[in-house]
Amino acid sequence: MTEAIDLLIRARWIIPVEPADTVLEHHVLAVRDGRIVALLPEREALEHYTAEREITLDRHVLMPGLVNLHCHAAMSLLRGLADDMPLMTWLQDHIWPAEGRHVSPEFVHDGTLLACAEMLRGGITCFNDMYFFPTAAAAAVREAGMRAVIGLPLLEFPTAYATDADDYLAKGLAARDELLGQPLLHFALAPHAPYTVSDRSFERVATLTGELDLPVHLHVHETLHEIAESQKLHGVRPLERLRRLGVVGPNLIAVHAVHLDDHEIAMLAANSCSVAHCPASNLKLGSGIARVANLAAAGVNIGIGTDGAASNNRLDLLGETRLAALLAKGASGDAAALGAHAALRAATLAGARALGLDHEIGSLLPGKSADLCAISLDDPLLAPCYAPESHVVYVADRENVSHVWVAGQLLLENHSLTGFLKKDLEKIASIWQTRISPRARLA
């Protein structure tokens, strides 16, 4: 007698990520109540299960949904606003003034909704966000049906969201309390950067992460200028300052981490920290190339992030994964650095691990949530295919993502979003472009 389940997905290839370096052919994934029940050969699956729905992906790769380890989702509304300039000029002269004029709960909701649509189209099922008005971001995430880690932002200076560090923390923790219990929403402390957060505030972050067991999502060692300013003001490099303040530990997600010396790489490894590698943003802002091969050799957990659409300018994690693999090889002189399987692990399970969600997502083990993406290789331009893991990293684009599920819910089917009306998204973008553009040109 067969067991009734909700969904059977037959796929030409399945990359489960766990066990490592594994590709399964002609296997079936069984899903019930939004969770993976089994992953087994097709004949065995048909003997054991009867599904309410069966989907055949006979020229596809099925794999875990991608995990975007660093994003400012609402900044989709600032895409292309100020390009081709270094980080601090970009921030101080363009982005921060534009945010001062326009950021509001409505801005955050609409920008995050657009970002969710873009990410789902590219196979991203979970993202780690850092921005203002977290409840507005969470509302958009829930509309989209995605999974997200909502950052509780922290700065010292006033914005439309909060007045000072105490106000940021109070509002962020209140937002977390309000949203607790939402199954697809998770939370992180999100102090912006060492150059925008005080010692006192970092000490509070260290206390809170210990009490609440939340990730600490933080830009660090992004530019040489940041490091020089820290040495001038604090007498030490930023990461050492953070260590002294108690922030360096297993919950730290060091975003960018471009300029690390050997001692700092060893520090991150010894403290079980994670790095959110954002290769396109690092290149576009002229920040540099992270030492990914050295980080990996030291055992540092490396995930991949897009950063915001204002500094990338795409929320395209497949593209980031390809770029990360290529840069690791070119910078190290080692063609085996960050190979295809390792790159896919960085884009899935490593990101989940950094967020404390590796028990729930990031691989296709039974018991985990059915957060999945399928990539179609049914295109002569992608043929022939000898190694599907290599094809996903080095050949396929986000346009080849055909299906996406989050917790078993089908959100992208045959390349089309199931929960969004394209016309509405275009209207949202048009309204904000009209609002922002005339004043932005005067910034």
Protein backbone atom coordinates (compact mmCIF):
# COMPACT_ATOMS: atom_id res chain seq x y z
CA MET A 1 0.00 0.00 0.00
CA THR A 2 1.37 3.39 -0.97
CA GLU A 3 1.60 6.42 1.30
CA ALA A 4 -0.33 9.56 0.37
CA ILE A 5 1.74 12.73 0.07
CA ASP A 6 1.30 16.17 -1.46
CA LEU A 7 3.95 16.33 -4.18
CA LEU A 8 6.34 14.18 -6.16
CA ILE A 9 8.98 15.94 -8.26
CA ARG A 10 10.77 13.80 -10.85
CA ALA A 11 14.00 15.38 -12.06
CA ARG A 12 16.67 14.48 -14.59
CA TRP A 13 19.31 15.52 -12.08
CA ILE A 14 19.13 16.37 -8.38
CA ILE A 15 21.94 18.12 -6.51
CA PRO A 16 21.08 17.64 -2.82
CA VAL A 17 24.19 19.52 -1.51
CA GLU A 18 24.22 17.00 1.34
CA PRO A 19 25.95 14.58 0.99
CA ALA A 20 28.66 16.76 -0.52
CA ASP A 21 29.73 16.40 -4.16
CA THR A 22 26.64 14.36 -5.04
CA VAL A 23 24.56 14.39 -8.22
CA LEU A 24 21.59 12.01 -8.47
CA GLU A 25 20.05 11.02 -11.78
CA HIS A 26 16.42 10.06 -12.36
CA HIS A 27 15.45 10.50 -8.74
CA VAL A 28 12.27 11.79 -7.12
CA LEU A 29 11.74 14.21 -4.26
CA ALA A 30 8.69 13.52 -2.09
CA VAL A 31 7.02 16.38 -0.17
CA ARG A 32 4.32 16.41 2.45
CA ASP A 33 3.08 19.35 4.54
CA GLY A 34 5.82 21.55 3.10
CA ARG A 35 8.64 19.22 4.13
CA ILE A 36 10.88 16.77 2.33
CA VAL A 37 9.78 13.21 3.08
CA ALA A 38 12.25 11.31 0.92
CA LEU A 39 14.70 11.50 -1.94
CA LEU A 40 14.91 8.19 -3.78
CA PRO A 41 15.11 6.55 -7.21
CA GLU A 42 12.06 6.98 -9.40
CA ARG A 43 10.94 3.33 -9.35
CA GLU A 44 11.10 3.15 -5.55
CA ALA A 45 9.22 6.44 -5.20
CA LEU A 46 6.33 5.21 -7.32
CA GLU A 47 6.16 2.02 -5.26
CA HIS A 48 6.05 3.89 -1.95
CA TYR A 49 4.08 7.10 -2.58
CA THR A 50 0.89 8.38 -4.19
CA ALA A 51 0.93 12.14 -4.65
CA GLU A 52 -1.81 14.70 -5.02
CA ARG A 53 0.40 16.37 -7.63
CA GLU A 54 3.30 15.09 -9.69
CA ILE A 55 5.71 17.31 -11.61
CA THR A 56 8.19 15.97 -14.16
CA LEU A 57 11.33 18.01 -14.78
CA ASP A 58 12.98 15.77 -17.33
CA ARG A 59 15.64 18.22 -18.53
CA HIS A 60 16.21 20.08 -15.30
CA VAL A 61 18.44 20.26 -12.25
CA LEU A 62 16.53 20.28 -8.95
CA MET A 63 18.43 21.68 -5.98
CA PRO A 64 17.91 23.61 -2.72
CA GLY A 65 16.65 27.15 -3.04
CA LEU A 66 19.42 29.74 -3.08
CA VAL A 67 20.19 31.67 0.10
CA ASN A 68 21.11 35.33 -0.40
CA LEU A 69 23.30 36.03 2.64
CA HIS A 70 23.38 39.82 2.31
CA CYS A 71 20.78 42.14 0.84
CA HIS A 72 19.22 45.57 1.26
CA ALA A 73 16.00 44.55 -0.47
CA ALA A 74 14.17 47.88 -0.44
CA MET A 75 17.08 49.53 -2.27
CA SER A 76 15.70 48.00 -5.45
CA LEU A 77 13.99 51.39 -5.78
CA LEU A 78 17.45 53.03 -5.96
CA ARG A 79 18.83 50.74 -8.65
CA GLY A 80 21.17 52.70 -10.92
CA LEU A 81 20.70 55.96 -9.02
CA ALA A 82 24.42 56.62 -8.54
CA ASP A 83 26.90 54.40 -10.36
CA ASP A 84 30.64 54.31 -11.01
CA MET A 85 31.92 55.84 -7.78
CA PRO A 86 33.65 54.59 -4.61
CA LEU A 87 31.74 53.47 -1.54
CA MET A 88 31.93 56.53 0.70
CA THR A 89 31.21 58.99 -2.13
CA TRP A 90 28.32 56.79 -3.24
CA LEU A 91 26.93 56.59 0.31
CA GLN A 92 27.51 60.10 1.63
CA ASP A 93 26.83 62.18 -1.47
CA HIS A 94 24.06 60.17 -3.13
CA ILE A 95 22.47 57.22 -1.32
CA TRP A 96 22.09 58.66 2.17
CA PRO A 97 20.62 61.96 0.88
CA ALA A 98 18.16 60.07 -1.35
CA GLU A 99 17.17 57.84 1.55
CA GLY A 100 16.71 60.89 3.73
CA ARG A 101 14.19 62.27 1.24
CA HIS A 102 12.29 59.10 0.40
CA VAL A 103 12.63 56.26 2.91
CA SER A 104 9.34 55.45 4.63
CA PRO A 105 7.35 52.32 5.46
CA GLU A 106 5.75 52.56 2.01
CA PHE A 107 9.16 52.82 0.31
CA VAL A 108 10.45 49.79 2.22
CA HIS A 109 7.36 47.69 1.53
CA ASP A 110 7.29 48.44 -2.19
CA GLY A 111 11.03 48.12 -2.71
CA THR A 112 11.12 44.84 -0.82
CA LEU A 113 8.20 43.46 -2.84
CA LEU A 114 10.02 44.24 -6.08
CA ALA A 115 13.15 42.61 -4.68
CA CYS A 116 11.23 39.49 -3.70
CA ALA A 117 9.89 39.13 -7.23
CA GLU A 118 13.37 39.50 -8.71
CA MET A 119 14.90 37.05 -6.26
CA LEU A 120 12.23 34.40 -6.73
CA ARG A 121 12.68 34.64 -10.50
CA GLY A 122 16.34 33.81 -9.94
CA GLY A 123 15.87 30.84 -7.60
CA ILE A 124 16.42 32.64 -4.29
CA THR A 125 14.11 31.32 -1.59
CA CYS A 126 15.65 33.02 1.48
CA PHE A 127 17.44 36.34 1.95
CA ASN A 128 19.17 38.08 4.82
CA ASP A 129 17.99 41.70 4.85
CA MET A 130 19.41 44.86 6.39
CA TYR A 131 17.29 47.98 6.11
CA PHE A 132 14.95 50.39 7.88
CA PHE A 133 11.30 49.77 8.89
CA PRO A 134 11.65 46.00 9.33
CA THR A 135 7.92 45.44 9.84
CA ALA A 136 7.23 46.95 6.41
CA ALA A 137 9.85 44.66 4.87
CA ALA A 138 8.34 41.69 6.68
CA ALA A 139 4.88 42.52 5.29
CA ALA A 140 6.23 42.41 1.74
CA VAL A 141 8.05 39.14 2.40
CA ARG A 142 4.84 37.58 3.67
CA GLU A 143 2.95 38.77 0.57
CA ALA A 144 5.60 37.19 -1.61
CA GLY A 145 5.59 33.91 0.32
CA MET A 146 9.37 33.95 0.69
CA ARG A 147 11.60 33.13 3.62
CA ALA A 148 13.68 35.99 5.03
CA VAL A 149 15.90 36.96 7.92
CA ILE A 150 14.78 40.44 8.89
CA GLY A 151 17.62 42.64 10.14
CA LEU A 152 17.07 44.87 13.16
CA PRO A 153 19.07 47.93 12.01
CA LEU A 154 21.41 49.92 14.23
CA LEU A 155 23.10 53.25 13.55
CA GLU A 156 24.13 56.17 15.73
CA PHE A 157 22.64 58.95 13.60
CA PRO A 158 18.97 59.82 13.05
CA THR A 159 16.98 58.67 10.04
CA ALA A 160 13.30 58.58 9.16
CA TYR A 161 13.15 55.30 11.09
CA ALA A 162 14.83 56.13 14.41
CA THR A 163 16.57 58.93 16.29
CA ASP A 164 19.57 57.29 17.97
CA ALA A 165 21.07 53.90 18.82
CA ASP A 166 18.73 53.28 21.72
CA ASP A 167 15.72 54.05 19.54
CA TYR A 168 16.94 51.72 16.78
CA LEU A 169 17.37 48.84 19.19
CA ALA A 170 14.07 49.45 20.96
CA LYS A 171 12.14 49.58 17.68
CA GLY A 172 13.96 46.59 16.24
CA LEU A 173 13.32 44.39 19.24
CA ALA A 174 9.69 45.49 19.33
CA ALA A 175 9.37 44.52 15.66
CA ARG A 176 10.83 41.10 16.43
CA ASP A 177 8.38 40.60 19.28
CA GLU A 178 5.50 41.58 17.01
CA LEU A 179 6.52 39.19 14.24
CA LEU A 180 7.61 36.18 16.28
CA GLY A 181 5.70 33.08 15.33
CA GLN A 182 5.68 33.72 11.59
CA PRO A 183 7.16 30.47 10.25
CA LEU A 184 9.05 32.00 7.30
CA LEU A 185 10.41 35.02 9.18
CA HIS A 186 13.64 34.96 11.17
CA PHE A 187 15.68 37.77 12.69
CA ALA A 188 19.20 39.14 13.00
CA LEU A 189 20.84 42.06 14.73
CA ALA A 190 22.05 44.36 11.96
CA PRO A 191 24.51 47.04 13.13
CA HIS A 192 25.48 48.79 9.91
CA ALA A 193 29.29 48.97 10.13
CA PRO A 194 32.13 49.73 12.56
CA TYR A 195 32.34 53.30 11.24
CA THR A 196 28.64 54.02 11.98
CA VAL A 197 28.26 52.21 15.33
CA SER A 198 29.81 53.12 18.71
CA ASP A 199 31.64 50.92 21.19
CA ARG A 200 28.70 51.16 23.61
CA SER A 201 26.27 49.98 20.95
CA PHE A 202 28.49 47.08 19.92
CA GLU A 203 28.71 45.99 23.57
CA ARG A 204 24.89 45.94 23.66
CA VAL A 205 24.87 43.91 20.44
CA ALA A 206 27.27 41.40 21.99
CA THR A 207 24.98 41.06 25.01
CA LEU A 208 21.83 40.69 22.91
CA THR A 209 23.26 38.09 20.56
CA GLY A 210 24.21 36.03 23.58
CA GLU A 211 20.80 36.39 25.19
CA LEU A 212 18.66 35.92 22.07
CA ASP A 213 20.99 33.73 19.97
CA LEU A 214 20.56 35.98 16.93
CA PRO A 215 23.02 36.36 14.05
CA VAL A 216 24.96 39.64 13.87
CA HIS A 217 24.78 40.92 10.29
CA LEU A 218 27.52 43.54 9.82
CA HIS A 219 29.54 45.20 7.06
CA VAL A 220 33.22 44.91 7.98
CA HIS A 221 36.59 45.38 6.24
CA GLU A 222 34.87 46.41 3.04
CA THR A 223 37.40 49.09 2.05
CA LEU A 224 40.95 50.13 2.86
CA HIS A 225 39.61 53.56 3.86
CA GLU A 226 37.44 51.96 6.55
CA ILE A 227 40.49 50.19 8.00
CA ALA A 228 42.68 53.31 7.94
CA GLU A 229 40.00 55.36 9.70
CA SER A 230 39.61 52.71 12.39
CA GLN A 231 43.33 52.67 13.03
CA LYS A 232 43.31 56.47 13.30
CA LEU A 233 40.28 56.67 15.64
CA HIS A 234 40.58 53.44 17.65
CA GLY A 235 44.21 52.40 17.27
CA VAL A 236 43.27 49.00 15.82
CA ARG A 237 41.74 47.53 12.69
CA PRO A 238 37.94 47.10 12.74
CA LEU A 239 37.87 43.34 13.29
CA GLU A 240 40.21 43.58 16.28
CA ARG A 241 38.02 46.34 17.73
CA LEU A 242 34.98 44.10 17.32
CA ARG A 243 36.83 41.23 19.00
CA ARG A 244 37.62 43.38 22.01
CA LEU A 245 33.98 44.44 22.24
CA GLY A 246 32.76 40.83 22.23
CA VAL A 247 31.15 40.80 18.77
CA VAL A 248 33.45 38.26 17.10
CA GLY A 249 31.89 34.84 17.63
CA PRO A 250 29.84 32.07 15.99
CA ASN A 251 26.89 34.40 15.29
CA LEU A 252 28.94 36.98 13.35
CA ILE A 253 28.25 37.31 9.62
CA ALA A 254 31.10 39.48 8.35
CA VAL A 255 29.75 41.07 5.18
CA HIS A 256 32.26 41.79 2.40
CA ALA A 257 35.40 41.03 4.49
CA VAL A 258 37.49 42.07 1.51
CA HIS A 259 40.64 43.28 3.25
CA LEU A 260 41.71 40.61 5.72
CA ASP A 261 45.24 39.69 6.74
CA ASP A 262 46.27 36.16 7.68
CA HIS A 263 45.74 36.83 11.40
CA GLU A 264 42.17 38.06 10.78
CA ILE A 265 41.31 35.05 8.64
CA ALA A 266 42.58 32.81 11.44
CA MET A 267 40.50 34.83 13.93
CA LEU A 268 37.32 34.32 11.92
CA ALA A 269 38.02 30.60 11.61
CA ALA A 270 38.87 30.14 15.30
CA ASN A 271 35.65 31.88 16.33
CA SER A 272 33.41 29.97 13.86
CA CYS A 273 32.37 33.20 12.11
CA SER A 274 30.82 33.36 8.66
CA VAL A 275 31.59 35.62 5.71
CA ALA A 276 28.98 36.98 3.29
CA HIS A 277 30.92 37.29 0.04
CA CYS A 278 29.45 39.90 -2.35
CA PRO A 279 31.74 39.80 -5.39
CA ALA A 280 29.83 42.01 -7.84
CA SER A 281 29.27 44.83 -5.35
CA ASN A 282 32.90 44.65 -4.24
CA LEU A 283 34.03 45.03 -7.84
CA LYS A 284 31.51 47.69 -8.83
CA LEU A 285 32.39 49.96 -5.90
CA GLY A 286 36.11 49.36 -6.43
CA SER A 287 36.43 47.86 -2.97
CA GLY A 288 38.61 44.91 -3.98
CA ILE A 289 38.58 41.13 -4.22
CA ALA A 290 38.05 39.03 -1.11
CA ARG A 291 40.54 36.27 -0.26
CA VAL A 292 38.00 33.50 -0.71
CA ALA A 293 40.49 30.71 -1.37
CA ASN A 294 42.37 31.58 1.83
CA LEU A 295 39.14 31.83 3.83
CA ALA A 296 38.00 28.45 2.54
CA ALA A 297 41.38 26.85 3.27
CA ALA A 298 41.16 28.14 6.84
CA GLY A 299 37.72 26.60 7.28
CA VAL A 300 35.70 29.81 7.40
CA ASN A 301 32.04 29.34 6.46
CA ILE A 302 31.50 31.37 3.26
CA GLY A 303 28.07 32.26 1.95
CA ILE A 304 27.22 34.48 -1.01
CA GLY A 305 25.23 37.71 -1.10
CA THR A 306 24.08 40.11 -3.78
CA ASP A 307 24.20 43.27 -1.65
CA GLY A 308 21.50 45.78 -2.64
CA ALA A 309 20.38 46.52 -6.18
CA ALA A 310 21.75 50.04 -5.78
CA SER A 311 25.33 48.75 -5.68
CA ASN A 312 25.23 45.59 -7.80
CA ASN A 313 22.80 46.25 -9.72
CA ARG A 314 21.11 42.82 -9.85
CA LEU A 315 19.76 40.52 -7.17
CA ASP A 316 21.13 37.56 -9.10
CA LEU A 317 22.68 34.92 -6.86
CA LEU A 318 23.44 32.52 -9.70
CA GLY A 319 25.49 35.28 -11.30
CA GLU A 320 27.19 36.00 -7.98
CA THR A 321 28.02 32.33 -7.56
CA ARG A 322 29.66 32.13 -10.96
CA LEU A 323 31.61 35.33 -10.30
CA ALA A 324 32.67 34.11 -6.85
CA ALA A 325 34.03 30.88 -8.31
CA LEU A 326 35.89 32.65 -11.10
CA LEU A 327 37.38 35.33 -8.83
CA ALA A 328 38.55 32.73 -6.33
CA LYS A 329 40.44 30.96 -9.11
CA GLY A 330 41.87 34.12 -10.65
CA ALA A 331 42.93 35.74 -7.38
CA SER A 332 44.57 32.58 -6.00
CA GLY A 333 46.05 31.17 -9.19
CA ASP A 334 44.38 27.86 -8.35
CA ALA A 335 41.87 26.60 -10.91
CA ALA A 336 40.46 24.21 -8.31
CA ALA A 337 39.64 26.99 -5.83
CA LEU A 338 35.88 27.12 -5.11
CA GLY A 339 34.89 24.40 -7.54
CA ALA A 340 31.33 23.95 -8.75
CA HIS A 341 30.09 21.83 -5.84
CA ALA A 342 31.76 24.14 -3.30
CA ALA A 343 30.26 27.19 -5.00
CA LEU A 344 26.76 25.70 -4.88
CA ARG A 345 27.25 24.85 -1.21
CA ALA A 346 28.24 28.48 -0.57
CA ALA A 347 25.04 29.64 -2.31
CA THR A 348 22.81 27.29 -0.30
CA LEU A 349 23.88 25.38 2.81
CA ALA A 350 26.67 27.74 3.88
CA GLY A 351 24.30 30.69 3.81
CA ALA A 352 21.74 28.71 5.79
CA ARG A 353 24.41 27.76 8.31
CA ALA A 354 25.47 31.39 8.77
CA LEU A 355 21.86 32.27 9.55
CA GLY A 356 21.40 29.38 11.96
CA LEU A 357 18.90 27.81 9.56
CA ASP A 358 20.90 24.84 8.28
CA HIS A 359 18.58 22.49 10.21
CA GLU A 360 15.71 23.84 8.12
CA ILE A 361 16.99 24.77 4.65
CA GLY A 362 20.07 24.64 2.40
CA SER A 363 20.07 20.97 1.41
CA LEU A 364 17.59 18.27 0.40
CA LEU A 365 17.66 16.05 3.47
CA PRO A 366 14.40 14.43 4.64
CA GLY A 367 12.78 16.49 7.36
CA LYS A 368 13.93 19.83 5.98
CA SER A 369 11.61 22.43 4.50
CA ALA A 370 10.89 22.00 0.81
CA ASP A 371 12.63 25.21 -0.26
CA LEU A 372 13.64 24.28 -3.79
CA CYS A 373 14.57 25.61 -7.19
CA ALA A 374 14.70 23.93 -10.58
CA ILE A 375 16.95 25.04 -13.41
CA SER A 376 16.00 24.11 -16.95
CA LEU A 377 18.78 22.98 -19.25
CA ASP A 378 16.31 22.53 -22.12
CA ASP A 379 18.02 25.00 -24.45
CA PRO A 380 20.41 24.25 -27.32
CA LEU A 381 22.57 27.13 -26.12
CA LEU A 382 23.27 25.14 -22.94
CA ALA A 383 24.08 21.84 -24.71
CA PRO A 384 25.79 19.49 -24.27
CA CYS A 385 25.78 18.88 -20.51
CA TYR A 386 28.40 16.54 -19.06
CA ALA A 387 28.34 17.71 -15.44
CA PRO A 388 25.14 19.40 -14.22
CA GLU A 389 26.78 20.99 -11.19
CA SER A 390 29.27 22.67 -13.52
CA HIS A 391 26.45 23.76 -15.82
CA VAL A 392 24.53 25.40 -12.99
CA VAL A 393 27.58 27.42 -11.92
CA TYR A 394 29.30 28.22 -15.20
CA VAL A 395 26.63 28.01 -17.92
CA ALA A 396 23.09 28.63 -16.70
CA ASP A 397 21.65 32.06 -15.95
CA ARG A 398 18.84 33.12 -13.65
CA GLU A 399 16.58 33.17 -16.71
CA ASN A 400 16.92 29.37 -16.76
CA VAL A 401 15.31 29.01 -13.32
CA SER A 402 11.94 27.45 -14.09
CA HIS A 403 10.37 26.48 -10.74
CA VAL A 404 10.70 27.65 -7.15
CA TRP A 405 9.06 26.31 -4.00
CA VAL A 406 9.18 27.74 -0.48
CA ALA A 407 7.97 25.41 2.27
CA GLY A 408 6.36 23.31 -0.45
CA GLN A 409 4.42 26.23 -1.98
CA LEU A 410 5.01 26.69 -5.70
CA LEU A 411 5.92 30.35 -6.23
CA LEU A 412 7.47 30.13 -9.71
CA GLU A 413 6.06 27.77 -12.33
CA ASN A 414 7.47 27.46 -15.83
CA HIS A 415 9.40 30.73 -15.38
CA SER A 416 6.31 32.70 -14.27
CA LEU A 417 5.58 33.99 -10.77
CA THR A 418 2.41 32.49 -9.38
CA GLY A 419 1.75 35.10 -6.69
CA PHE A 420 2.61 38.40 -8.39
CA LEU A 421 0.91 40.44 -11.08
CA LYS A 422 3.59 41.81 -13.37
CA LYS A 423 1.48 44.88 -14.15
CA ASP A 424 1.28 45.77 -10.45
CA LEU A 425 5.06 45.46 -10.03
CA GLU A 426 5.68 47.66 -13.06
CA LYS A 427 3.25 50.24 -11.65
CA ILE A 428 5.03 50.26 -8.29
CA ALA A 429 8.40 50.79 -9.95
CA SER A 430 7.04 53.54 -12.20
CA ILE A 431 5.48 55.46 -9.31
CA TRP A 432 8.71 55.46 -7.32
CA GLN A 433 10.85 56.35 -10.32
CA THR A 434 8.68 59.42 -10.86
CA ARG A 435 9.00 60.40 -7.21
CA ILE A 436 12.74 59.89 -6.94
CA SER A 437 14.22 60.91 -10.29
CA PRO A 438 13.71 64.72 -10.42
CA ARG A 439 15.15 65.31 -6.95
CA ALA A 440 17.83 62.67 -7.35
CA ARG A 441 19.33 64.61 -10.25
CA LEU A 442 19.79 67.56 -7.89
CA ALA A 443 21.57 65.47 -5.20
